[in-house]
Amino acid sequence: MRLKPIKTKKDYQQALERLDEIFDARKGTPEGDELEILGMLIEQYENEKFPIDLPDPVEAIKFRMEQLGYSQSDLAKVVGLKSRASEILSRKRKLSLDMIRQLHAQLNIPTDVLIQAY
């Protein structure tokens, strides 16, 4: 296959089919190089045509709490007060810059997720 930019749905379909054909190609081979470049082209097309929005900040906090087995009391230790944690989870309080920093540092939630409006 001749590599070219993916501009249409047809181009995209053909690229996916070719990717499937050469999926097991070894690095350093011509097909391996084609696989790497084709993957980048497909990723660029998908990012443009099928963007994925960032998760809601409060939902991201809840999800991370669930992953870590955190209770509201555990969250209160991160944001300062139990009442503050409750207000955040019920969307009655916006996150301050300091809270965003603490949530990022202690729960490892990306800051670009936390700074969104909700």
PDB file of N, CA and C in Angstrom:
ATOM      1  N   MET A   1       0.851  -1.196   0.000  1.00  0.00           N
ATOM      2  CA  MET A   1       0.000   0.000   0.000  1.00  0.00           C
ATOM      3  C   MET A   1       0.883   1.240   0.000  1.00  0.00           C
ATOM      4  N   ARG A   2       0.497   2.206  -0.774  1.00  0.00           N
ATOM      5  CA  ARG A   2       1.185   3.489  -0.795  1.00  0.00           C
ATOM      6  C   ARG A   2       0.635   4.344   0.332  1.00  0.00           C
ATOM      7  N   LEU A   3       1.502   4.805   1.236  1.00  0.00           N
ATOM      8  CA  LEU A   3       1.045   5.632   2.352  1.00  0.00           C
ATOM      9  C   LEU A   3       0.626   7.002   1.860  1.00  0.00           C
ATOM     10  N   LYS A   4      -0.497   7.460   2.375  1.00  0.00           N
ATOM     11  CA  LYS A   4      -1.003   8.783   2.015  1.00  0.00           C
ATOM     12  C   LYS A   4      -1.867   9.285   3.169  1.00  0.00           C
ATOM     13  N   PRO A   5      -2.103  10.579   3.250  1.00  0.00           N
ATOM     14  CA  PRO A   5      -2.959  11.109   4.325  1.00  0.00           C
ATOM     15  C   PRO A   5      -4.349  10.488   4.260  1.00  0.00           C
ATOM     16  N   ILE A   6      -4.960  10.339   5.420  1.00  0.00           N
ATOM     17  CA  ILE A   6      -6.319   9.806   5.497  1.00  0.00           C
ATOM     18  C   ILE A   6      -7.272  10.993   5.542  1.00  0.00           C
ATOM     19  N   LYS A   7      -8.047  11.149   4.466  1.00  0.00           N
ATOM     20  CA  LYS A   7      -8.923  12.314   4.347  1.00  0.00           C
ATOM     21  C   LYS A   7     -10.407  11.963   4.321  1.00  0.00           C
ATOM     22  N   THR A   8     -10.724  10.734   3.949  1.00  0.00           N
ATOM     23  CA  THR A   8     -12.126  10.342   3.799  1.00  0.00           C
ATOM     24  C   THR A   8     -12.401   9.060   4.586  1.00  0.00           C
ATOM     25  N   LYS A   9     -13.687   8.744   4.708  1.00  0.00           N
ATOM     26  CA  LYS A   9     -14.062   7.487   5.364  1.00  0.00           C
ATOM     27  C   LYS A   9     -13.496   6.297   4.597  1.00  0.00           C
ATOM     28  N   LYS A  10     -13.488   6.404   3.274  1.00  0.00           N
ATOM     29  CA  LYS A  10     -12.956   5.327   2.437  1.00  0.00           C
ATOM     30  C   LYS A  10     -11.460   5.147   2.699  1.00  0.00           C
ATOM     31  N   ASP A  11     -10.724   6.250   2.752  1.00  0.00           N
ATOM     32  CA  ASP A  11      -9.287   6.189   3.069  1.00  0.00           C
ATOM     33  C   ASP A  11      -9.076   5.530   4.436  1.00  0.00           C
ATOM     34  N   TYR A  12      -9.915   5.915   5.386  1.00  0.00           N
ATOM     35  CA  TYR A  12      -9.824   5.394   6.745  1.00  0.00           C
ATOM     36  C   TYR A  12     -10.076   3.887   6.754  1.00  0.00           C
ATOM     37  N   GLN A  13     -11.096   3.439   6.054  1.00  0.00           N
ATOM     38  CA  GLN A  13     -11.434   2.012   5.986  1.00  0.00           C
ATOM     39  C   GLN A  13     -10.286   1.243   5.366  1.00  0.00           C
ATOM     40  N   GLN A  14      -9.717   1.772   4.285  1.00  0.00           N
ATOM     41  CA  GLN A  14      -8.602   1.100   3.622  1.00  0.00           C
ATOM     42  C   GLN A  14      -7.387   1.024   4.550  1.00  0.00           C
ATOM     43  N   ALA A  15      -7.146   2.080   5.284  1.00  0.00           N
ATOM     44  CA  ALA A  15      -6.011   2.107   6.215  1.00  0.00           C
ATOM     45  C   ALA A  15      -6.201   1.067   7.317  1.00  0.00           C
ATOM     46  N   LEU A  16      -7.426   0.944   7.838  1.00  0.00           N
ATOM     47  CA  LEU A  16      -7.701  -0.056   8.870  1.00  0.00           C
ATOM     48  C   LEU A  16      -7.502  -1.478   8.331  1.00  0.00           C
ATOM     49  N   GLU A  17      -7.942  -1.695   7.099  1.00  0.00           N
ATOM     50  CA  GLU A  17      -7.774  -3.018   6.485  1.00  0.00           C
ATOM     51  C   GLU A  17      -6.295  -3.343   6.315  1.00  0.00           C
ATOM     52  N   ARG A  18      -5.523  -2.368   5.861  1.00  0.00           N
ATOM     53  CA  ARG A  18      -4.086  -2.591   5.679  1.00  0.00           C
ATOM     54  C   ARG A  18      -3.403  -2.803   7.032  1.00  0.00           C
ATOM     55  N   LEU A  19      -3.814  -2.051   8.012  1.00  0.00           N
ATOM     56  CA  LEU A  19      -3.253  -2.200   9.358  1.00  0.00           C
ATOM     57  C   LEU A  19      -3.480  -3.630   9.860  1.00  0.00           C
ATOM     58  N   ASP A  20      -4.656  -4.152   9.607  1.00  0.00           N
ATOM     59  CA  ASP A  20      -4.982  -5.514  10.024  1.00  0.00           C
ATOM     60  C   ASP A  20      -4.081  -6.527   9.307  1.00  0.00           C
ATOM     61  N   GLU A  21      -3.798  -6.270   8.035  1.00  0.00           N
ATOM     62  CA  GLU A  21      -2.955  -7.180   7.244  1.00  0.00           C
ATOM     63  C   GLU A  21      -1.520  -7.241   7.763  1.00  0.00           C
ATOM     64  N   ILE A  22      -0.981  -6.097   8.188  1.00  0.00           N
ATOM     65  CA  ILE A  22       0.438  -6.033   8.572  1.00  0.00           C
ATOM     66  C   ILE A  22       0.640  -5.906  10.085  1.00  0.00           C
ATOM     67  N   PHE A  23      -0.397  -6.187  10.855  1.00  0.00           N
ATOM     68  CA  PHE A  23      -0.383  -5.959  12.298  1.00  0.00           C
ATOM     69  C   PHE A  23       0.787  -6.641  13.013  1.00  0.00           C
ATOM     70  N   ASP A  24       1.204  -7.794  12.556  1.00  0.00           N
ATOM     71  CA  ASP A  24       2.278  -8.536  13.218  1.00  0.00           C
ATOM     72  C   ASP A  24       3.653  -8.274  12.609  1.00  0.00           C
ATOM     73  N   ALA A  25       3.786  -7.245  11.811  1.00  0.00           N
ATOM     74  CA  ALA A  25       5.070  -6.942  11.174  1.00  0.00           C
ATOM     75  C   ALA A  25       6.125  -6.626  12.232  1.00  0.00           C
ATOM     76  N   ARG A  26       7.350  -7.016  11.948  1.00  0.00           N
ATOM     77  CA  ARG A  26       8.462  -6.781  12.879  1.00  0.00           C
ATOM     78  C   ARG A  26       9.025  -5.380  12.716  1.00  0.00           C
ATOM     79  N   LYS A  27       9.442  -4.807  13.840  1.00  0.00           N
ATOM     80  CA  LYS A  27      10.100  -3.492  13.803  1.00  0.00           C
ATOM     81  C   LYS A  27      11.358  -3.591  12.951  1.00  0.00           C
ATOM     82  N   GLY A  28      11.656  -2.505  12.261  1.00  0.00           N
ATOM     83  CA  GLY A  28      12.872  -2.450  11.461  1.00  0.00           C
ATOM     84  C   GLY A  28      12.722  -3.011  10.063  1.00  0.00           C
ATOM     85  N   THR A  29      11.568  -3.594   9.763  1.00  0.00           N
ATOM     86  CA  THR A  29      11.317  -4.095   8.412  1.00  0.00           C
ATOM     87  C   THR A  29      10.501  -3.041   7.670  1.00  0.00           C
ATOM     88  N   PRO A  30      10.470  -3.118   6.338  1.00  0.00           N
ATOM     89  CA  PRO A  30       9.629  -2.157   5.600  1.00  0.00           C
ATOM     90  C   PRO A  30       8.168  -2.186   6.060  1.00  0.00           C
ATOM     91  N   GLU A  31       7.624  -3.396   6.290  1.00  0.00           N
ATOM     92  CA  GLU A  31       6.237  -3.481   6.756  1.00  0.00           C
ATOM     93  C   GLU A  31       6.107  -2.956   8.186  1.00  0.00           C
ATOM     94  N   GLY A  32       7.138  -3.148   8.994  1.00  0.00           N
ATOM     95  CA  GLY A  32       7.128  -2.611  10.357  1.00  0.00           C
ATOM     96  C   GLY A  32       7.092  -1.088  10.351  1.00  0.00           C
ATOM     97  N   ASP A  33       7.865  -0.498   9.439  1.00  0.00           N
ATOM     98  CA  ASP A  33       7.852   0.966   9.305  1.00  0.00           C
ATOM     99  C   ASP A  33       6.492   1.447   8.809  1.00  0.00           C
ATOM    100  N   GLU A  34       5.932   0.718   7.844  1.00  0.00           N
ATOM    101  CA  GLU A  34       4.606   1.067   7.326  1.00  0.00           C
ATOM    102  C   GLU A  34       3.562   0.987   8.437  1.00  0.00           C
ATOM    103  N   LEU A  35       3.645  -0.060   9.262  1.00  0.00           N
ATOM    104  CA  LEU A  35       2.721  -0.233  10.375  1.00  0.00           C
ATOM    105  C   LEU A  35       2.794   0.961  11.332  1.00  0.00           C
ATOM    106  N   GLU A  36       3.996   1.387  11.654  1.00  0.00           N
ATOM    107  CA  GLU A  36       4.174   2.510  12.578  1.00  0.00           C
ATOM    108  C   GLU A  36       3.592   3.799  12.005  1.00  0.00           C
ATOM    109  N   ILE A  37       3.886   4.083  10.760  1.00  0.00           N
ATOM    110  CA  ILE A  37       3.385   5.314  10.125  1.00  0.00           C
ATOM    111  C   ILE A  37       1.874   5.252   9.935  1.00  0.00           C
ATOM    112  N   LEU A  38       1.370   4.095   9.515  1.00  0.00           N
ATOM    113  CA  LEU A  38      -0.061   3.928   9.325  1.00  0.00           C
ATOM    114  C   LEU A  38      -0.807   4.113  10.646  1.00  0.00           C
ATOM    115  N   GLY A  39      -0.237   3.598  11.729  1.00  0.00           N
ATOM    116  CA  GLY A  39      -0.833   3.785  13.051  1.00  0.00           C
ATOM    117  C   GLY A  39      -0.942   5.254  13.416  1.00  0.00           C
ATOM    118  N   MET A  40       0.106   6.025  13.103  1.00  0.00           N
ATOM    119  CA  MET A  40       0.080   7.467  13.393  1.00  0.00           C
ATOM    120  C   MET A  40      -0.978   8.177  12.556  1.00  0.00           C
ATOM    121  N   LEU A  41      -1.085   7.807  11.288  1.00  0.00           N
ATOM    122  CA  LEU A  41      -2.082   8.431  10.411  1.00  0.00           C
ATOM    123  C   LEU A  41      -3.498   8.123  10.879  1.00  0.00           C
ATOM    124  N   ILE A  42      -3.735   6.873  11.260  1.00  0.00           N
ATOM    125  CA  ILE A  42      -5.054   6.482  11.756  1.00  0.00           C
ATOM    126  C   ILE A  42      -5.376   7.223  13.051  1.00  0.00           C
ATOM    127  N   GLU A  43      -4.412   7.298  13.946  1.00  0.00           N
ATOM    128  CA  GLU A  43      -4.633   8.000  15.211  1.00  0.00           C
ATOM    129  C   GLU A  43      -4.973   9.478  14.977  1.00  0.00           C
ATOM    130  N   GLN A  44      -4.258  10.126  14.063  1.00  0.00           N
ATOM    131  CA  GLN A  44      -4.533  11.530  13.750  1.00  0.00           C
ATOM    132  C   GLN A  44      -5.949  11.699  13.195  1.00  0.00           C
ATOM    133  N   TYR A  45      -6.343  10.838  12.284  1.00  0.00           N
ATOM    134  CA  TYR A  45      -7.686  10.910  11.696  1.00  0.00           C
ATOM    135  C   TYR A  45      -8.746  10.713  12.772  1.00  0.00           C
ATOM    136  N   GLU A  46      -8.553   9.694  13.630  1.00  0.00           N
ATOM    137  CA  GLU A  46      -9.526   9.416  14.677  1.00  0.00           C
ATOM    138  C   GLU A  46      -9.623  10.564  15.680  1.00  0.00           C
ATOM    139  N   ASN A  47      -8.497  11.174  16.017  1.00  0.00           N
ATOM    140  CA  ASN A  47      -8.527  12.311  16.943  1.00  0.00           C
ATOM    141  C   ASN A  47      -9.288  13.492  16.369  1.00  0.00           C
ATOM    142  N   GLU A  48      -9.186  13.672  15.053  1.00  0.00           N
ATOM    143  CA  GLU A  48      -9.902  14.771  14.399  1.00  0.00           C
ATOM    144  C   GLU A  48     -11.391  14.467  14.225  1.00  0.00           C
ATOM    145  N   LYS A  49     -11.709  13.243  13.830  1.00  0.00           N
ATOM    146  CA  LYS A  49     -13.089  12.885  13.498  1.00  0.00           C
ATOM    147  C   LYS A  49     -13.898  12.344  14.675  1.00  0.00           C
ATOM    148  N   PHE A  50     -13.225  11.742  15.641  1.00  0.00           N
ATOM    149  CA  PHE A  50     -13.913  11.122  16.776  1.00  0.00           C
ATOM    150  C   PHE A  50     -13.292  11.572  18.097  1.00  0.00           C
ATOM    151  N   PRO A  51     -13.300  12.873  18.369  1.00  0.00           N
ATOM    152  CA  PRO A  51     -12.646  13.338  19.598  1.00  0.00           C
ATOM    153  C   PRO A  51     -13.351  12.793  20.846  1.00  0.00           C
ATOM    154  N   ILE A  52     -12.554  12.522  21.856  1.00  0.00           N
ATOM    155  CA  ILE A  52     -13.091  12.023  23.121  1.00  0.00           C
ATOM    156  C   ILE A  52     -12.976  13.154  24.137  1.00  0.00           C
ATOM    157  N   ASP A  53     -14.111  13.524  24.694  1.00  0.00           N
ATOM    158  CA  ASP A  53     -14.109  14.585  25.688  1.00  0.00           C
ATOM    159  C   ASP A  53     -13.505  14.084  26.997  1.00  0.00           C
ATOM    160  N   LEU A  54     -12.944  15.023  27.732  1.00  0.00           N
ATOM    161  CA  LEU A  54     -12.427  14.691  29.052  1.00  0.00           C
ATOM    162  C   LEU A  54     -13.588  14.383  29.988  1.00  0.00           C
ATOM    163  N   PRO A  55     -13.369  13.537  30.981  1.00  0.00           N
ATOM    164  CA  PRO A  55     -14.455  13.231  31.917  1.00  0.00           C
ATOM    165  C   PRO A  55     -14.796  14.429  32.792  1.00  0.00           C
ATOM    166  N   ASP A  56     -15.992  14.429  33.305  1.00  0.00           N
ATOM    167  CA  ASP A  56     -16.448  15.444  34.242  1.00  0.00           C
ATOM    168  C   ASP A  56     -15.558  15.393  35.494  1.00  0.00           C
ATOM    169  N   PRO A  57     -15.135  16.545  36.028  1.00  0.00           N
ATOM    170  CA  PRO A  57     -14.236  16.557  37.188  1.00  0.00           C
ATOM    171  C   PRO A  57     -14.779  15.798  38.402  1.00  0.00           C
ATOM    172  N   VAL A  58     -16.042  16.008  38.736  1.00  0.00           N
ATOM    173  CA  VAL A  58     -16.616  15.336  39.913  1.00  0.00           C
ATOM    174  C   VAL A  58     -16.698  13.830  39.668  1.00  0.00           C
ATOM    175  N   GLU A  59     -17.094  13.437  38.459  1.00  0.00           N
ATOM    176  CA  GLU A  59     -17.149  12.013  38.142  1.00  0.00           C
ATOM    177  C   GLU A  59     -15.754  11.390  38.163  1.00  0.00           C
ATOM    178  N   ALA A  60     -14.748  12.149  37.739  1.00  0.00           N
ATOM    179  CA  ALA A  60     -13.374  11.655  37.780  1.00  0.00           C
ATOM    180  C   ALA A  60     -12.922  11.445  39.226  1.00  0.00           C
ATOM    181  N   ILE A  61     -13.294  12.358  40.109  1.00  0.00           N
ATOM    182  CA  ILE A  61     -12.954  12.226  41.531  1.00  0.00           C
ATOM    183  C   ILE A  61     -13.642  10.989  42.108  1.00  0.00           C
ATOM    184  N   LYS A  62     -14.923  10.834  41.827  1.00  0.00           N
ATOM    185  CA  LYS A  62     -15.669   9.683  42.335  1.00  0.00           C
ATOM    186  C   LYS A  62     -15.073   8.370  41.816  1.00  0.00           C
ATOM    187  N   PHE A  63     -14.732   8.350  40.542  1.00  0.00           N
ATOM    188  CA  PHE A  63     -14.159   7.148  39.941  1.00  0.00           C
ATOM    189  C   PHE A  63     -12.831   6.798  40.597  1.00  0.00           C
ATOM    190  N   ARG A  64     -11.986   7.813  40.787  1.00  0.00           N
ATOM    191  CA  ARG A  64     -10.682   7.572  41.404  1.00  0.00           C
ATOM    192  C   ARG A  64     -10.839   7.128  42.856  1.00  0.00           C
ATOM    193  N   MET A  65     -11.792   7.727  43.559  1.00  0.00           N
ATOM    194  CA  MET A  65     -12.056   7.313  44.937  1.00  0.00           C
ATOM    195  C   MET A  65     -12.445   5.837  44.974  1.00  0.00           C
ATOM    196  N   GLU A  66     -13.298   5.439  44.037  1.00  0.00           N
ATOM    197  CA  GLU A  66     -13.736   4.039  43.977  1.00  0.00           C
ATOM    198  C   GLU A  66     -12.550   3.119  43.699  1.00  0.00           C
ATOM    199  N   GLN A  67     -11.687   3.532  42.773  1.00  0.00           N
ATOM    200  CA  GLN A  67     -10.504   2.732  42.451  1.00  0.00           C
ATOM    201  C   GLN A  67      -9.609   2.536  43.676  1.00  0.00           C
ATOM    202  N   LEU A  68      -9.468   3.598  44.466  1.00  0.00           N
ATOM    203  CA  LEU A  68      -8.575   3.564  45.623  1.00  0.00           C
ATOM    204  C   LEU A  68      -9.248   3.042  46.887  1.00  0.00           C
ATOM    205  N   GLY A  69     -10.559   2.829  46.816  1.00  0.00           N
ATOM    206  CA  GLY A  69     -11.290   2.405  48.003  1.00  0.00           C
ATOM    207  C   GLY A  69     -11.430   3.526  49.022  1.00  0.00           C
ATOM    208  N   TYR A  70     -11.462   4.765  48.529  1.00  0.00           N
ATOM    209  CA  TYR A  70     -11.566   5.938  49.403  1.00  0.00           C
ATOM    210  C   TYR A  70     -13.016   6.210  49.796  1.00  0.00           C
ATOM    211  N   SER A  71     -13.187   6.670  51.012  1.00  0.00           N
ATOM    212  CA  SER A  71     -14.485   7.137  51.490  1.00  0.00           C
ATOM    213  C   SER A  71     -14.491   8.661  51.400  1.00  0.00           C
ATOM    214  N   GLN A  72     -15.621   9.242  51.726  1.00  0.00           N
ATOM    215  CA  GLN A  72     -15.711  10.703  51.760  1.00  0.00           C
ATOM    216  C   GLN A  72     -14.746  11.267  52.808  1.00  0.00           C
ATOM    217  N   SER A  73     -14.544  10.535  53.900  1.00  0.00           N
ATOM    218  CA  SER A  73     -13.595  10.965  54.939  1.00  0.00           C
ATOM    219  C   SER A  73     -12.175  11.002  54.399  1.00  0.00           C
ATOM    220  N   ASP A  74     -11.825  10.028  53.550  1.00  0.00           N
ATOM    221  CA  ASP A  74     -10.498  10.023  52.930  1.00  0.00           C
ATOM    222  C   ASP A  74     -10.342  11.224  52.003  1.00  0.00           C
ATOM    223  N   LEU A  75     -11.398  11.536  51.266  1.00  0.00           N
ATOM    224  CA  LEU A  75     -11.357  12.710  50.391  1.00  0.00           C
ATOM    225  C   LEU A  75     -11.218  13.980  51.213  1.00  0.00           C
ATOM    226  N   ALA A  76     -11.877  14.020  52.364  1.00  0.00           N
ATOM    227  CA  ALA A  76     -11.787  15.195  53.238  1.00  0.00           C
ATOM    228  C   ALA A  76     -10.346  15.464  53.649  1.00  0.00           C
ATOM    229  N   LYS A  77      -9.554  14.420  53.826  1.00  0.00           N
ATOM    230  CA  LYS A  77      -8.141  14.599  54.184  1.00  0.00           C
ATOM    231  C   LYS A  77      -7.367  15.256  53.051  1.00  0.00           C
ATOM    232  N   VAL A  78      -7.827  15.058  51.840  1.00  0.00           N
ATOM    233  CA  VAL A  78      -7.168  15.649  50.672  1.00  0.00           C
ATOM    234  C   VAL A  78      -7.590  17.106  50.490  1.00  0.00           C
ATOM    235  N   VAL A  79      -8.888  17.397  50.641  1.00  0.00           N
ATOM    236  CA  VAL A  79      -9.406  18.743  50.355  1.00  0.00           C
ATOM    237  C   VAL A  79      -9.590  19.612  51.596  1.00  0.00           C
ATOM    238  N   GLY A  80      -9.388  19.052  52.772  1.00  0.00           N
ATOM    239  CA  GLY A  80      -9.419  19.888  53.974  1.00  0.00           C
ATOM    240  C   GLY A  80     -10.482  19.543  54.995  1.00  0.00           C
ATOM    241  N   LEU A  81     -11.731  19.543  54.618  1.00  0.00           N
ATOM    242  CA  LEU A  81     -12.823  19.327  55.570  1.00  0.00           C
ATOM    243  C   LEU A  81     -13.827  18.320  55.005  1.00  0.00           C
ATOM    244  N   LYS A  82     -14.496  17.607  55.895  1.00  0.00           N
ATOM    245  CA  LYS A  82     -15.507  16.647  55.457  1.00  0.00           C
ATOM    246  C   LYS A  82     -16.667  17.361  54.761  1.00  0.00           C
ATOM    247  N   SER A  83     -17.041  18.514  55.299  1.00  0.00           N
ATOM    248  CA  SER A  83     -18.132  19.267  54.677  1.00  0.00           C
ATOM    249  C   SER A  83     -17.734  19.736  53.276  1.00  0.00           C
ATOM    250  N   ARG A  84     -16.476  20.090  53.114  1.00  0.00           N
ATOM    251  CA  ARG A  84     -15.986  20.530  51.799  1.00  0.00           C
ATOM    252  C   ARG A  84     -16.029  19.366  50.810  1.00  0.00           C
ATOM    253  N   ALA A  85     -15.633  18.194  51.261  1.00  0.00           N
ATOM    254  CA  ALA A  85     -15.669  17.017  50.391  1.00  0.00           C
ATOM    255  C   ALA A  85     -17.106  16.726  49.958  1.00  0.00           C
ATOM    256  N   SER A  86     -18.035  16.818  50.900  1.00  0.00           N
ATOM    257  CA  SER A  86     -19.449  16.591  50.599  1.00  0.00           C
ATOM    258  C   SER A  86     -19.959  17.609  49.584  1.00  0.00           C
ATOM    259  N   GLU A  87     -19.596  18.864  49.776  1.00  0.00           N
ATOM    260  CA  GLU A  87     -20.045  19.919  48.859  1.00  0.00           C
ATOM    261  C   GLU A  87     -19.473  19.726  47.460  1.00  0.00           C
ATOM    262  N   ILE A  88     -18.236  19.252  47.367  1.00  0.00           N
ATOM    263  CA  ILE A  88     -17.622  18.997  46.053  1.00  0.00           C
ATOM    264  C   ILE A  88     -18.364  17.861  45.359  1.00  0.00           C
ATOM    265  N   LEU A  89     -18.579  16.770  46.081  1.00  0.00           N
ATOM    266  CA  LEU A  89     -19.222  15.597  45.483  1.00  0.00           C
ATOM    267  C   LEU A  89     -20.669  15.853  45.102  1.00  0.00           C
ATOM    268  N   SER A  90     -21.325  16.788  45.797  1.00  0.00           N
ATOM    269  CA  SER A  90     -22.712  17.130  45.455  1.00  0.00           C
ATOM    270  C   SER A  90     -22.782  18.344  44.518  1.00  0.00           C
ATOM    271  N   ARG A  91     -21.619  18.789  44.057  1.00  0.00           N
ATOM    272  CA  ARG A  91     -21.496  19.906  43.099  1.00  0.00           C
ATOM    273  C   ARG A  91     -21.948  21.248  43.665  1.00  0.00           C
ATOM    274  N   LYS A  92     -21.920  21.405  44.969  1.00  0.00           N
ATOM    275  CA  LYS A  92     -22.288  22.676  45.592  1.00  0.00           C
ATOM    276  C   LYS A  92     -21.079  23.581  45.778  1.00  0.00           C
ATOM    277  N   ARG A  93     -19.883  23.029  45.610  1.00  0.00           N
ATOM    278  CA  ARG A  93     -18.650  23.804  45.762  1.00  0.00           C
ATOM    279  C   ARG A  93     -17.741  23.531  44.578  1.00  0.00           C
ATOM    280  N   LYS A  94     -17.212  24.598  44.007  1.00  0.00           N
ATOM    281  CA  LYS A  94     -16.242  24.482  42.920  1.00  0.00           C
ATOM    282  C   LYS A  94     -14.874  24.149  43.506  1.00  0.00           C
ATOM    283  N   LEU A  95     -14.047  23.527  42.696  1.00  0.00           N
ATOM    284  CA  LEU A  95     -12.690  23.215  43.125  1.00  0.00           C
ATOM    285  C   LEU A  95     -11.820  24.464  43.088  1.00  0.00           C
ATOM    286  N   SER A  96     -11.081  24.705  44.157  1.00  0.00           N
ATOM    287  CA  SER A  96     -10.125  25.810  44.174  1.00  0.00           C
ATOM    288  C   SER A  96      -8.821  25.322  43.548  1.00  0.00           C
ATOM    289  N   LEU A  97      -7.943  26.236  43.240  1.00  0.00           N
ATOM    290  CA  LEU A  97      -6.651  25.888  42.670  1.00  0.00           C
ATOM    291  C   LEU A  97      -5.878  24.978  43.624  1.00  0.00           C
ATOM    292  N   ASP A  98      -5.936  25.288  44.923  1.00  0.00           N
ATOM    293  CA  ASP A  98      -5.236  24.465  45.904  1.00  0.00           C
ATOM    294  C   ASP A  98      -5.830  23.050  45.947  1.00  0.00           C
ATOM    295  N   MET A  99      -7.157  22.930  45.877  1.00  0.00           N
ATOM    296  CA  MET A  99      -7.791  21.606  45.866  1.00  0.00           C
ATOM    297  C   MET A  99      -7.374  20.825  44.621  1.00  0.00           C
ATOM    298  N   ILE A 100      -7.329  21.503  43.481  1.00  0.00           N
ATOM    299  CA  ILE A 100      -6.913  20.855  42.237  1.00  0.00           C
ATOM    300  C   ILE A 100      -5.499  20.319  42.384  1.00  0.00           C
ATOM    301  N   ARG A 101      -4.623  21.119  42.954  1.00  0.00           N
ATOM    302  CA  ARG A 101      -3.240  20.672  43.168  1.00  0.00           C
ATOM    303  C   ARG A 101      -3.191  19.456  44.084  1.00  0.00           C
ATOM    304  N   GLN A 102      -3.959  19.481  45.165  1.00  0.00           N
ATOM    305  CA  GLN A 102      -3.960  18.366  46.114  1.00  0.00           C
ATOM    306  C   GLN A 102      -4.539  17.097  45.483  1.00  0.00           C
ATOM    307  N   LEU A 103      -5.638  17.236  44.752  1.00  0.00           N
ATOM    308  CA  LEU A 103      -6.257  16.086  44.098  1.00  0.00           C
ATOM    309  C   LEU A 103      -5.316  15.478  43.055  1.00  0.00           C
ATOM    310  N   HIS A 104      -4.618  16.343  42.355  1.00  0.00           N
ATOM    311  CA  HIS A 104      -3.657  15.865  41.366  1.00  0.00           C
ATOM    312  C   HIS A 104      -2.502  15.135  42.050  1.00  0.00           C
ATOM    313  N   ALA A 105      -1.954  15.746  43.083  1.00  0.00           N
ATOM    314  CA  ALA A 105      -0.787  15.174  43.760  1.00  0.00           C
ATOM    315  C   ALA A 105      -1.129  13.885  44.516  1.00  0.00           C
ATOM    316  N   GLN A 106      -2.258  13.868  45.201  1.00  0.00           N
ATOM    317  CA  GLN A 106      -2.554  12.736  46.074  1.00  0.00           C
ATOM    318  C   GLN A 106      -3.396  11.641  45.418  1.00  0.00           C
ATOM    319  N   LEU A 107      -4.239  12.014  44.467  1.00  0.00           N
ATOM    320  CA  LEU A 107      -5.082  11.009  43.808  1.00  0.00           C
ATOM    321  C   LEU A 107      -4.649  10.749  42.372  1.00  0.00           C
ATOM    322  N   ASN A 108      -3.675  11.526  41.911  1.00  0.00           N
ATOM    323  CA  ASN A 108      -3.130  11.373  40.565  1.00  0.00           C
ATOM    324  C   ASN A 108      -4.196  11.559  39.477  1.00  0.00           C
ATOM    325  N   ILE A 109      -5.076  12.522  39.684  1.00  0.00           N
ATOM    326  CA  ILE A 109      -6.075  12.873  38.666  1.00  0.00           C
ATOM    327  C   ILE A 109      -5.459  13.988  37.824  1.00  0.00           C
ATOM    328  N   PRO A 110      -5.449  13.845  36.505  1.00  0.00           N
ATOM    329  CA  PRO A 110      -4.837  14.875  35.655  1.00  0.00           C
ATOM    330  C   PRO A 110      -5.462  16.263  35.886  1.00  0.00           C
ATOM    331  N   THR A 111      -4.621  17.267  35.933  1.00  0.00           N
ATOM    332  CA  THR A 111      -5.120  18.627  36.181  1.00  0.00           C
ATOM    333  C   THR A 111      -6.037  19.117  35.065  1.00  0.00           C
ATOM    334  N   ASP A 112      -5.799  18.683  33.818  1.00  0.00           N
ATOM    335  CA  ASP A 112      -6.666  19.140  32.730  1.00  0.00           C
ATOM    336  C   ASP A 112      -8.086  18.617  32.890  1.00  0.00           C
ATOM    337  N   VAL A 113      -8.270  17.518  33.616  1.00  0.00           N
ATOM    338  CA  VAL A 113      -9.611  17.033  33.928  1.00  0.00           C
ATOM    339  C   VAL A 113     -10.236  17.884  35.030  1.00  0.00           C
ATOM    340  N   LEU A 114      -9.437  18.190  36.061  1.00  0.00           N
ATOM    341  CA  LEU A 114      -9.950  18.893  37.235  1.00  0.00           C
ATOM    342  C   LEU A 114     -10.286  20.357  36.978  1.00  0.00           C
ATOM    343  N   ILE A 115      -9.616  21.004  36.025  1.00  0.00           N
ATOM    344  CA  ILE A 115      -9.838  22.441  35.837  1.00  0.00           C
ATOM    345  C   ILE A 115     -11.065  22.770  34.989  1.00  0.00           C
ATOM    346  N   GLN A 116     -11.706  21.752  34.430  1.00  0.00           N
ATOM    347  CA  GLN A 116     -12.883  21.998  33.604  1.00  0.00           C
ATOM    348  C   GLN A 116     -14.051  22.544  34.441  1.00  0.00           C
ATOM    349  N   ALA A 117     -14.878  23.317  33.782  1.00  0.00           N
ATOM    350  CA  ALA A 117     -16.095  23.800  34.439  1.00  0.00           C
ATOM    351  C   ALA A 117     -17.096  22.650  34.563  1.00  0.00           C
ATOM    352  N   TYR A 118     -17.872  22.686  35.628  1.00  0.00           N
ATOM    353  CA  TYR A 118     -18.927  21.674  35.803  1.00  0.00           C
ATOM    354  C   TYR A 118     -20.118  22.294  36.426  1.00  0.00           C
TER     355      TYR A 118
END
